[in-house]
Amino acid sequence: MKLIPLVFVVLVAYSYSAAIFAHGLLERATPAAGSTVHGSPAEVKLFFSQTLEPAFSTLRVLDANAKQVDRQDQTVDATDARALRVSLQPLAPGAYRVIWRVLSKDGHVTQGDLSFTVAP
């Protein structure tokens, strides 16, 4: 009799953990989070664990004064639907913040931010 409640608890825990891992989580970024790059990068590209919904996914790059410095041409990459990219204006040396919000094909929204530094 005690085995049935234990099996139920295990199945419920497994279903919740599967739902957590189904979200489109950020796997990596170019430039990498916390990195210092020499010279201005041409773009920021974020890679997620799930396919993205282009119409509901956003990516912005801000300078230290919170001025948007990307070209506002964000798009889901044509060769990898798990990647979101935006091109950049030439960046001066300094700190930059990347802010993203994505809707993955499974219907879950995730959001976050990261930073990188441009060195001369």
Protein backbone atom coordinates (compact mmCIF):
# COMPACT_ATOMS: atom_id res chain seq x y z
CA MET A 1 0.00 0.00 0.00
CA LYS A 2 2.84 2.43 0.71
CA LEU A 3 4.33 1.83 -2.73
CA ILE A 4 1.42 3.50 -4.56
CA PRO A 5 1.83 6.89 -2.79
CA LEU A 6 5.59 6.75 -3.41
CA VAL A 7 5.08 6.04 -7.12
CA PHE A 8 2.60 8.91 -7.32
CA VAL A 9 5.06 11.32 -5.67
CA VAL A 10 7.83 10.26 -8.06
CA LEU A 11 5.60 10.70 -11.11
CA VAL A 12 4.44 14.15 -9.99
CA ALA A 13 8.03 15.26 -9.27
CA TYR A 14 9.14 13.98 -12.68
CA SER A 15 6.36 15.84 -14.50
CA TYR A 16 7.26 19.11 -12.76
CA SER A 17 10.96 18.71 -13.51
CA ALA A 18 10.19 17.99 -17.18
CA ALA A 19 8.11 21.17 -17.36
CA ILE A 20 10.95 23.21 -15.85
CA PHE A 21 13.45 21.92 -18.38
CA ALA A 22 11.07 22.59 -21.29
CA HIS A 23 11.57 26.36 -21.05
CA GLY A 24 13.74 28.09 -23.64
CA LEU A 25 16.78 28.76 -21.46
CA LEU A 26 19.79 30.79 -22.52
CA GLU A 27 22.63 28.38 -23.28
CA ARG A 28 25.33 30.79 -24.47
CA ALA A 29 25.93 34.24 -25.91
CA THR A 30 28.32 35.91 -28.34
CA PRO A 31 29.95 38.00 -26.94
CA ALA A 32 29.94 35.77 -23.88
CA ALA A 33 28.35 36.98 -20.65
CA GLY A 34 30.86 38.88 -18.56
CA SER A 35 33.49 38.86 -21.30
CA THR A 36 35.75 41.62 -22.58
CA VAL A 37 36.06 41.89 -26.35
CA HIS A 38 38.70 43.90 -28.17
CA GLY A 39 37.08 46.11 -30.78
CA SER A 40 33.41 46.53 -31.55
CA PRO A 41 31.50 43.30 -32.24
CA ALA A 42 29.25 43.33 -35.30
CA GLU A 43 26.34 41.66 -33.51
CA VAL A 44 25.05 40.04 -30.35
CA LYS A 45 23.79 36.50 -30.76
CA LEU A 46 22.03 34.49 -28.06
CA PHE A 47 21.51 30.72 -28.23
CA PHE A 48 18.59 29.08 -26.41
CA SER A 49 17.60 25.51 -25.57
CA GLN A 50 14.30 25.73 -27.48
CA THR A 51 13.06 26.97 -30.85
CA LEU A 52 11.89 30.60 -30.56
CA GLU A 53 8.75 32.41 -31.67
CA PRO A 54 10.16 35.37 -33.67
CA ALA A 55 7.17 37.68 -33.23
CA PHE A 56 7.37 37.47 -29.43
CA SER A 57 11.13 37.47 -28.81
CA THR A 58 13.08 40.65 -28.13
CA LEU A 59 16.75 41.57 -27.80
CA ARG A 60 18.18 44.99 -26.94
CA VAL A 61 21.71 46.22 -26.28
CA LEU A 62 22.21 49.28 -24.06
CA ASP A 63 25.30 51.34 -23.23
CA ALA A 64 26.24 52.53 -19.72
CA ASN A 65 23.80 55.46 -20.09
CA ALA A 66 20.91 53.09 -21.00
CA LYS A 67 20.95 54.29 -24.62
CA GLN A 68 19.99 51.58 -27.10
CA VAL A 69 23.00 50.89 -29.35
CA ASP A 70 21.76 48.01 -31.48
CA ARG A 71 20.32 48.56 -34.96
CA GLN A 72 16.85 47.38 -33.84
CA ASP A 73 16.91 44.60 -36.43
CA GLN A 74 16.56 41.64 -34.09
CA THR A 75 15.69 38.38 -35.75
CA VAL A 76 15.63 34.69 -35.11
CA ASP A 77 18.55 33.24 -37.05
CA ALA A 78 17.49 31.76 -40.40
CA THR A 79 19.83 28.77 -39.97
CA ASP A 80 19.11 28.07 -36.28
CA ALA A 81 15.64 28.83 -34.89
CA ARG A 82 17.08 28.62 -31.36
CA ALA A 83 19.30 31.69 -31.93
CA LEU A 84 18.30 35.34 -31.61
CA ARG A 85 20.57 38.03 -33.06
CA VAL A 86 20.77 41.78 -33.43
CA SER A 87 23.39 43.83 -35.28
CA LEU A 88 25.25 46.63 -33.54
CA GLN A 89 26.28 50.15 -34.34
CA PRO A 90 30.04 50.67 -33.88
CA LEU A 91 30.57 50.53 -30.11
CA ALA A 92 32.96 52.72 -28.16
CA PRO A 93 35.01 51.14 -25.38
CA GLY A 94 32.86 50.61 -22.29
CA ALA A 95 30.28 48.38 -20.62
CA TYR A 96 27.15 47.15 -22.40
CA ARG A 97 24.02 45.40 -21.19
CA VAL A 98 22.05 42.87 -23.25
CA ILE A 99 18.38 42.48 -22.30
CA TRP A 100 16.33 39.64 -23.75
CA ARG A 101 12.85 38.19 -23.50
CA VAL A 102 11.87 35.17 -25.57
CA LEU A 103 8.84 33.01 -26.14
CA SER A 104 9.79 29.47 -27.01
CA LYS A 105 7.66 27.25 -29.24
CA ASP A 106 6.48 25.37 -26.14
CA GLY A 107 4.71 28.56 -25.01
CA HIS A 108 6.99 29.50 -22.12
CA VAL A 109 8.48 32.99 -21.70
CA THR A 110 11.97 33.46 -20.28
CA GLN A 111 13.88 36.67 -19.85
CA GLY A 112 17.15 37.95 -18.55
CA ASP A 113 20.13 40.12 -19.11
CA LEU A 114 23.89 39.88 -19.34
CA SER A 115 26.76 42.26 -19.82
CA PHE A 116 29.99 42.50 -21.75
CA THR A 117 32.75 45.08 -22.07
CA VAL A 118 34.35 46.50 -25.20
CA ALA A 119 38.06 47.29 -24.86
CA PRO A 120 40.07 49.31 -27.38
